[in-house]
Amino acid sequence: MAPDQPPVSAPPQTKYLTTYDLKERDWTVTMIAELLPQHDASRAAYIRLPGNAPVKLYLRARVEEAEGSDEFLIGQERATKAKARRGSAARTAQHEALLKKCVQAFRPPYTWPERWCQRSDWQLS
């Protein structure tokens, strides 16, 4: 940046935060339901697909007030502990179970002709 240019300022803060914004600020779905049970406003989603629910909006001041409460800190601590419990060991066990299930269920689509299976010179000694 050139010395004669003013520093670039951050984008202006909006009045509302979406559920996505809350999750970016380390909120969980449970914390949102407990601490902010009712949303303050809603708007249509930017991508309009059949079945898309409206976007829930929460007042920034209300969110910041909830973030300063003890309940929020307790919820964050619970979420951190739960995330640690679900760590890589759990994912590894799930992957192993899924792999075992897939291997056991695998049946090759091709079957060898029976006459080929009966040839003694192809059998392992």
N, C-alpha and C. Protein backbone atom coordinates (compact mmCIF):
# COMPACT_ATOMS: atom_id res chain seq x y z
N MET A 1 0.85 -1.16 0.00
CA MET A 1 0.00 0.00 0.00
C MET A 1 0.90 1.23 0.00
N ALA A 2 0.53 2.19 -0.80
CA ALA A 2 1.30 3.42 -0.89
C ALA A 2 1.04 4.28 0.35
N PRO A 3 2.04 5.06 0.78
CA PRO A 3 1.87 5.86 2.00
C PRO A 3 0.81 6.95 1.87
N ASP A 4 0.50 7.40 0.65
CA ASP A 4 -0.47 8.48 0.50
C ASP A 4 -1.92 7.98 0.47
N GLN A 5 -2.13 6.65 0.45
CA GLN A 5 -3.49 6.11 0.42
C GLN A 5 -3.97 5.83 1.84
N PRO A 6 -5.23 6.14 2.12
CA PRO A 6 -5.76 5.82 3.46
C PRO A 6 -5.93 4.31 3.60
N PRO A 7 -5.85 3.78 4.82
CA PRO A 7 -6.02 2.34 5.01
C PRO A 7 -7.43 1.91 4.62
N VAL A 8 -7.52 0.70 4.11
CA VAL A 8 -8.81 0.15 3.70
C VAL A 8 -9.57 -0.24 4.96
N SER A 9 -10.80 0.24 5.06
CA SER A 9 -11.59 -0.06 6.25
C SER A 9 -12.36 -1.36 6.05
N ALA A 10 -12.76 -1.94 7.15
CA ALA A 10 -13.54 -3.17 7.12
C ALA A 10 -14.93 -2.87 6.58
N PRO A 11 -15.60 -3.86 5.99
CA PRO A 11 -16.95 -3.62 5.50
C PRO A 11 -17.88 -3.25 6.66
N PRO A 12 -18.89 -2.45 6.38
CA PRO A 12 -19.78 -2.04 7.47
C PRO A 12 -20.53 -3.24 8.05
N GLN A 13 -20.75 -3.18 9.35
CA GLN A 13 -21.47 -4.26 10.01
C GLN A 13 -22.95 -4.16 9.68
N THR A 14 -23.55 -5.30 9.46
CA THR A 14 -24.97 -5.32 9.16
C THR A 14 -25.78 -5.36 10.45
N LYS A 15 -27.04 -5.02 10.34
CA LYS A 15 -27.91 -5.00 11.50
C LYS A 15 -28.26 -6.42 11.95
N TYR A 16 -28.33 -7.34 10.98
CA TYR A 16 -28.75 -8.71 11.27
C TYR A 16 -27.63 -9.70 10.97
N LEU A 17 -27.68 -10.84 11.65
CA LEU A 17 -26.79 -11.97 11.37
C LEU A 17 -27.65 -13.17 11.00
N THR A 18 -27.19 -13.93 10.02
CA THR A 18 -27.90 -15.14 9.62
C THR A 18 -27.43 -16.32 10.47
N THR A 19 -28.11 -17.43 10.33
CA THR A 19 -27.70 -18.64 11.04
C THR A 19 -26.29 -19.04 10.62
N TYR A 20 -25.98 -18.88 9.33
CA TYR A 20 -24.63 -19.17 8.84
C TYR A 20 -23.60 -18.29 9.54
N ASP A 21 -23.92 -17.00 9.69
CA ASP A 21 -23.01 -16.09 10.39
C ASP A 21 -22.78 -16.54 11.83
N LEU A 22 -23.85 -16.99 12.48
CA LEU A 22 -23.72 -17.46 13.86
C LEU A 22 -22.80 -18.68 13.93
N LYS A 23 -22.95 -19.58 12.99
CA LYS A 23 -22.08 -20.77 12.99
C LYS A 23 -20.64 -20.40 12.71
N GLU A 24 -20.42 -19.36 11.91
CA GLU A 24 -19.06 -18.87 11.68
C GLU A 24 -18.47 -18.28 12.97
N ARG A 25 -19.34 -17.83 13.87
CA ARG A 25 -18.90 -17.27 15.15
C ARG A 25 -18.89 -18.35 16.24
N ASP A 26 -18.84 -19.62 15.85
CA ASP A 26 -18.74 -20.79 16.75
C ASP A 26 -20.00 -21.06 17.55
N TRP A 27 -21.15 -20.72 17.01
CA TRP A 27 -22.41 -21.12 17.62
C TRP A 27 -22.75 -22.51 17.09
N THR A 28 -23.45 -23.29 17.91
CA THR A 28 -23.96 -24.58 17.44
C THR A 28 -25.48 -24.46 17.29
N VAL A 29 -26.08 -25.43 16.64
CA VAL A 29 -27.53 -25.42 16.45
C VAL A 29 -28.24 -25.44 17.81
N THR A 30 -27.71 -26.23 18.73
CA THR A 30 -28.31 -26.31 20.07
C THR A 30 -28.21 -24.98 20.79
N MET A 31 -27.07 -24.32 20.69
CA MET A 31 -26.90 -23.02 21.35
C MET A 31 -27.86 -21.99 20.77
N ILE A 32 -28.05 -22.02 19.46
CA ILE A 32 -28.98 -21.08 18.83
C ILE A 32 -30.39 -21.33 19.36
N ALA A 33 -30.78 -22.60 19.43
CA ALA A 33 -32.13 -22.94 19.91
C ALA A 33 -32.33 -22.54 21.36
N GLU A 34 -31.29 -22.68 22.19
CA GLU A 34 -31.42 -22.36 23.61
C GLU A 34 -31.34 -20.87 23.89
N LEU A 35 -30.39 -20.18 23.27
CA LEU A 35 -30.14 -18.78 23.61
C LEU A 35 -30.91 -17.79 22.75
N LEU A 36 -31.22 -18.17 21.53
CA LEU A 36 -31.98 -17.29 20.62
C LEU A 36 -33.15 -18.08 20.03
N PRO A 37 -34.13 -18.45 20.86
CA PRO A 37 -35.18 -19.34 20.37
C PRO A 37 -36.02 -18.76 19.23
N GLN A 38 -36.21 -17.45 19.21
CA GLN A 38 -37.01 -16.82 18.15
C GLN A 38 -36.11 -15.93 17.30
N HIS A 39 -36.24 -16.05 15.99
CA HIS A 39 -35.47 -15.14 15.13
C HIS A 39 -36.21 -13.80 15.06
N ASP A 40 -35.48 -12.76 14.72
CA ASP A 40 -36.04 -11.41 14.71
C ASP A 40 -36.67 -11.04 13.38
N ALA A 41 -36.18 -11.61 12.31
CA ALA A 41 -36.72 -11.33 10.98
C ALA A 41 -36.35 -12.50 10.07
N SER A 42 -36.86 -12.47 8.86
CA SER A 42 -36.49 -13.49 7.89
C SER A 42 -36.53 -12.87 6.50
N ARG A 43 -35.83 -13.51 5.59
CA ARG A 43 -35.83 -13.07 4.20
C ARG A 43 -35.76 -14.30 3.32
N ALA A 44 -36.07 -14.11 2.05
CA ALA A 44 -35.99 -15.22 1.11
C ALA A 44 -34.53 -15.57 0.86
N ALA A 45 -34.27 -16.83 0.61
CA ALA A 45 -32.91 -17.26 0.30
C ALA A 45 -32.50 -16.70 -1.06
N TYR A 46 -31.20 -16.46 -1.22
CA TYR A 46 -30.71 -15.93 -2.49
C TYR A 46 -30.91 -16.93 -3.62
N ILE A 47 -30.72 -18.20 -3.32
CA ILE A 47 -30.93 -19.25 -4.32
C ILE A 47 -32.33 -19.80 -4.09
N ARG A 48 -33.18 -19.59 -5.05
CA ARG A 48 -34.57 -20.01 -4.88
C ARG A 48 -34.78 -21.38 -5.51
N LEU A 49 -34.86 -22.37 -4.65
CA LEU A 49 -35.13 -23.73 -5.06
C LEU A 49 -36.40 -24.19 -4.37
N PRO A 50 -37.11 -25.13 -4.95
CA PRO A 50 -38.31 -25.64 -4.27
C PRO A 50 -37.93 -26.22 -2.91
N GLY A 51 -38.66 -25.85 -1.91
CA GLY A 51 -38.41 -26.37 -0.57
C GLY A 51 -37.42 -25.56 0.25
N ASN A 52 -36.82 -24.52 -0.33
CA ASN A 52 -35.88 -23.70 0.44
C ASN A 52 -36.65 -22.91 1.50
N ALA A 53 -36.19 -23.03 2.72
CA ALA A 53 -36.81 -22.28 3.81
C ALA A 53 -36.28 -20.85 3.81
N PRO A 54 -37.03 -19.92 4.35
CA PRO A 54 -36.51 -18.55 4.45
C PRO A 54 -35.31 -18.50 5.39
N VAL A 55 -34.45 -17.53 5.17
CA VAL A 55 -33.25 -17.36 5.99
C VAL A 55 -33.64 -16.63 7.27
N LYS A 56 -33.26 -17.20 8.41
CA LYS A 56 -33.57 -16.58 9.71
C LYS A 56 -32.52 -15.52 10.01
N LEU A 57 -32.99 -14.37 10.48
CA LEU A 57 -32.11 -13.25 10.80
C LEU A 57 -32.22 -12.92 12.29
N TYR A 58 -31.07 -12.67 12.90
CA TYR A 58 -31.00 -12.35 14.33
C TYR A 58 -30.34 -10.98 14.48
N LEU A 59 -30.89 -10.13 15.34
CA LEU A 59 -30.31 -8.81 15.57
C LEU A 59 -28.90 -8.94 16.13
N ARG A 60 -27.98 -8.18 15.56
CA ARG A 60 -26.58 -8.23 15.98
C ARG A 60 -26.45 -7.90 17.47
N ALA A 61 -27.18 -6.89 17.95
CA ALA A 61 -27.08 -6.49 19.36
C ALA A 61 -27.53 -7.63 20.27
N ARG A 62 -28.58 -8.33 19.87
CA ARG A 62 -29.07 -9.45 20.67
C ARG A 62 -28.07 -10.60 20.69
N VAL A 63 -27.43 -10.85 19.55
CA VAL A 63 -26.42 -11.91 19.46
C VAL A 63 -25.23 -11.57 20.34
N GLU A 64 -24.76 -10.34 20.26
CA GLU A 64 -23.60 -9.93 21.06
C GLU A 64 -23.92 -9.97 22.55
N GLU A 65 -25.15 -9.66 22.91
CA GLU A 65 -25.57 -9.75 24.31
C GLU A 65 -25.54 -11.21 24.77
N ALA A 66 -26.03 -12.11 23.92
CA ALA A 66 -26.03 -13.54 24.27
C ALA A 66 -24.61 -14.07 24.35
N GLU A 67 -23.71 -13.58 23.49
CA GLU A 67 -22.32 -14.03 23.51
C GLU A 67 -21.60 -13.60 24.78
N GLY A 68 -22.08 -12.59 25.43
CA GLY A 68 -21.48 -12.13 26.68
C GLY A 68 -22.00 -12.86 27.90
N SER A 69 -22.99 -13.73 27.72
CA SER A 69 -23.59 -14.41 28.87
C SER A 69 -22.80 -15.66 29.26
N ASP A 70 -23.01 -16.10 30.49
CA ASP A 70 -22.36 -17.32 30.97
C ASP A 70 -22.87 -18.55 30.24
N GLU A 71 -24.16 -18.55 29.88
CA GLU A 71 -24.74 -19.70 29.18
C GLU A 71 -24.03 -19.95 27.85
N PHE A 72 -23.65 -18.87 27.17
CA PHE A 72 -22.94 -19.01 25.90
C PHE A 72 -21.58 -19.66 26.12
N LEU A 73 -20.86 -19.21 27.14
CA LEU A 73 -19.54 -19.78 27.43
C LEU A 73 -19.64 -21.26 27.82
N ILE A 74 -20.67 -21.60 28.59
CA ILE A 74 -20.88 -23.00 28.96
C ILE A 74 -21.20 -23.82 27.72
N GLY A 75 -22.04 -23.28 26.85
CA GLY A 75 -22.38 -23.98 25.61
C GLY A 75 -21.17 -24.19 24.72
N GLN A 76 -20.31 -23.18 24.63
CA GLN A 76 -19.09 -23.31 23.83
C GLN A 76 -18.17 -24.38 24.41
N GLU A 77 -18.07 -24.42 25.72
CA GLU A 77 -17.22 -25.43 26.36
C GLU A 77 -17.76 -26.83 26.10
N ARG A 78 -19.09 -26.99 26.21
CA ARG A 78 -19.70 -28.29 25.92
C ARG A 78 -19.45 -28.70 24.47
N ALA A 79 -19.59 -27.74 23.55
CA ALA A 79 -19.38 -28.03 22.13
C ALA A 79 -17.93 -28.43 21.86
N THR A 80 -16.99 -27.77 22.52
CA THR A 80 -15.57 -28.10 22.35
C THR A 80 -15.28 -29.50 22.85
N LYS A 81 -15.84 -29.86 24.00
CA LYS A 81 -15.62 -31.21 24.55
C LYS A 81 -16.25 -32.27 23.65
N ALA A 82 -17.44 -32.00 23.15
CA ALA A 82 -18.11 -32.95 22.27
C ALA A 82 -17.33 -33.13 20.97
N LYS A 83 -16.78 -32.05 20.46
CA LYS A 83 -15.99 -32.13 19.23
C LYS A 83 -14.74 -32.97 19.46
N ALA A 84 -14.13 -32.83 20.63
CA ALA A 84 -12.94 -33.62 20.95
C ALA A 84 -13.28 -35.10 21.07
N ARG A 85 -14.45 -35.39 21.67
CA ARG A 85 -14.86 -36.80 21.81
C ARG A 85 -15.12 -37.44 20.45
N ARG A 86 -15.64 -36.65 19.52
CA ARG A 86 -15.94 -37.18 18.19
C ARG A 86 -14.73 -37.15 17.28
N GLY A 87 -13.58 -36.95 17.80
CA GLY A 87 -12.37 -36.73 17.03
C GLY A 87 -12.03 -37.80 16.01
N SER A 88 -10.79 -37.84 15.65
CA SER A 88 -10.34 -38.71 14.57
C SER A 88 -10.51 -40.18 14.90
N ALA A 89 -10.46 -40.57 16.17
CA ALA A 89 -10.63 -41.98 16.52
C ALA A 89 -12.01 -42.47 16.14
N ALA A 90 -13.02 -41.65 16.39
CA ALA A 90 -14.39 -42.04 16.04
C ALA A 90 -14.54 -42.13 14.53
N ARG A 91 -13.96 -41.17 13.80
CA ARG A 91 -14.05 -41.21 12.35
C ARG A 91 -13.33 -42.43 11.79
N THR A 92 -12.18 -42.77 12.37
CA THR A 92 -11.43 -43.93 11.91
C THR A 92 -12.24 -45.20 12.14
N ALA A 93 -12.87 -45.33 13.29
CA ALA A 93 -13.69 -46.51 13.57
C ALA A 93 -14.87 -46.59 12.60
N GLN A 94 -15.48 -45.46 12.30
CA GLN A 94 -16.59 -45.45 11.35
C GLN A 94 -16.11 -45.88 9.96
N HIS A 95 -14.96 -45.37 9.55
CA HIS A 95 -14.43 -45.72 8.23
C HIS A 95 -14.08 -47.20 8.16
N GLU A 96 -13.50 -47.74 9.23
CA GLU A 96 -13.18 -49.16 9.25
C GLU A 96 -14.43 -50.01 9.15
N ALA A 97 -15.47 -49.64 9.89
CA ALA A 97 -16.72 -50.40 9.86
C ALA A 97 -17.35 -50.34 8.47
N LEU A 98 -17.34 -49.17 7.86
CA LEU A 98 -17.90 -49.02 6.52
C LEU A 98 -17.11 -49.82 5.50
N LEU A 99 -15.79 -49.77 5.59
CA LEU A 99 -14.94 -50.52 4.67
C LEU A 99 -15.18 -52.02 4.82
N LYS A 100 -15.27 -52.50 6.05
CA LYS A 100 -15.51 -53.92 6.29
C LYS A 100 -16.85 -54.34 5.70
N LYS A 101 -17.87 -53.51 5.88
CA LYS A 101 -19.19 -53.81 5.34
C LYS A 101 -19.16 -53.86 3.81
N CYS A 102 -18.45 -52.93 3.20
CA CYS A 102 -18.37 -52.89 1.73
C CYS A 102 -17.61 -54.11 1.19
N VAL A 103 -16.53 -54.48 1.85
CA VAL A 103 -15.74 -55.63 1.40
C VAL A 103 -16.55 -56.91 1.53
N GLN A 104 -17.27 -57.06 2.63
CA GLN A 104 -18.07 -58.27 2.82
C GLN A 104 -19.22 -58.35 1.83
N ALA A 105 -19.77 -57.22 1.44
CA ALA A 105 -20.91 -57.22 0.53
C ALA A 105 -20.48 -57.27 -0.94
N PHE A 106 -19.19 -57.11 -1.22
CA PHE A 106 -18.74 -57.05 -2.61
C PHE A 106 -18.87 -58.41 -3.28
N ARG A 107 -19.49 -58.40 -4.41
CA ARG A 107 -19.60 -59.58 -5.25
C ARG A 107 -19.21 -59.15 -6.65
N PRO A 108 -18.14 -59.73 -7.20
CA PRO A 108 -17.72 -59.30 -8.54
C PRO A 108 -18.82 -59.57 -9.56
N PRO A 109 -18.98 -58.66 -10.51
CA PRO A 109 -20.05 -58.83 -11.48
C PRO A 109 -19.78 -59.94 -12.50
N TYR A 110 -18.56 -60.41 -12.57
CA TYR A 110 -18.21 -61.42 -13.55
C TYR A 110 -17.99 -62.75 -12.85
N THR A 111 -18.53 -63.81 -13.40
CA THR A 111 -18.27 -65.15 -12.87
C THR A 111 -17.50 -65.94 -13.91
N TRP A 112 -16.53 -66.66 -13.44
CA TRP A 112 -15.72 -67.47 -14.35
C TRP A 112 -16.51 -68.70 -14.79
N PRO A 113 -16.33 -69.10 -16.03
CA PRO A 113 -16.99 -70.33 -16.47
C PRO A 113 -16.55 -71.50 -15.61
N GLU A 114 -17.47 -72.38 -15.33
CA GLU A 114 -17.19 -73.48 -14.41
C GLU A 114 -16.08 -74.38 -14.93
N ARG A 115 -16.00 -74.56 -16.24
CA ARG A 115 -14.97 -75.44 -16.79
C ARG A 115 -13.57 -74.88 -16.53
N TRP A 116 -13.44 -73.55 -16.42
CA TRP A 116 -12.14 -72.96 -16.13
C TRP A 116 -11.75 -73.24 -14.68
N CYS A 117 -12.71 -73.25 -13.82
CA CYS A 117 -12.43 -73.46 -12.40
C CYS A 117 -12.04 -74.91 -12.10
N GLN A 118 -12.34 -75.81 -13.00
CA GLN A 118 -12.07 -77.22 -12.77
C GLN A 118 -10.71 -77.65 -13.31
N ARG A 119 -10.02 -76.80 -14.01
CA ARG A 119 -8.73 -77.18 -14.58
C ARG A 119 -7.70 -77.31 -13.47
N SER A 120 -7.07 -78.43 -13.41
CA SER A 120 -6.12 -78.69 -12.33
C SER A 120 -4.82 -77.91 -12.49
N ASP A 121 -4.44 -77.57 -13.72
CA ASP A 121 -3.18 -76.85 -13.90
C ASP A 121 -3.28 -75.39 -13.47
N TRP A 122 -4.48 -74.88 -13.25
CA TRP A 122 -4.65 -73.51 -12.78
C TRP A 122 -4.74 -73.43 -11.26
N GLN A 123 -4.87 -74.55 -10.64
CA GLN A 123 -5.02 -74.54 -9.19
C GLN A 123 -3.67 -74.26 -8.53
N LEU A 124 -3.75 -73.61 -7.42
CA LEU A 124 -2.52 -73.33 -6.68
C LEU A 124 -2.05 -74.59 -5.98
N SER A 125 -0.77 -74.77 -5.92
CA SER A 125 -0.24 -75.97 -5.26
C SER A 125 -0.05 -75.74 -3.79
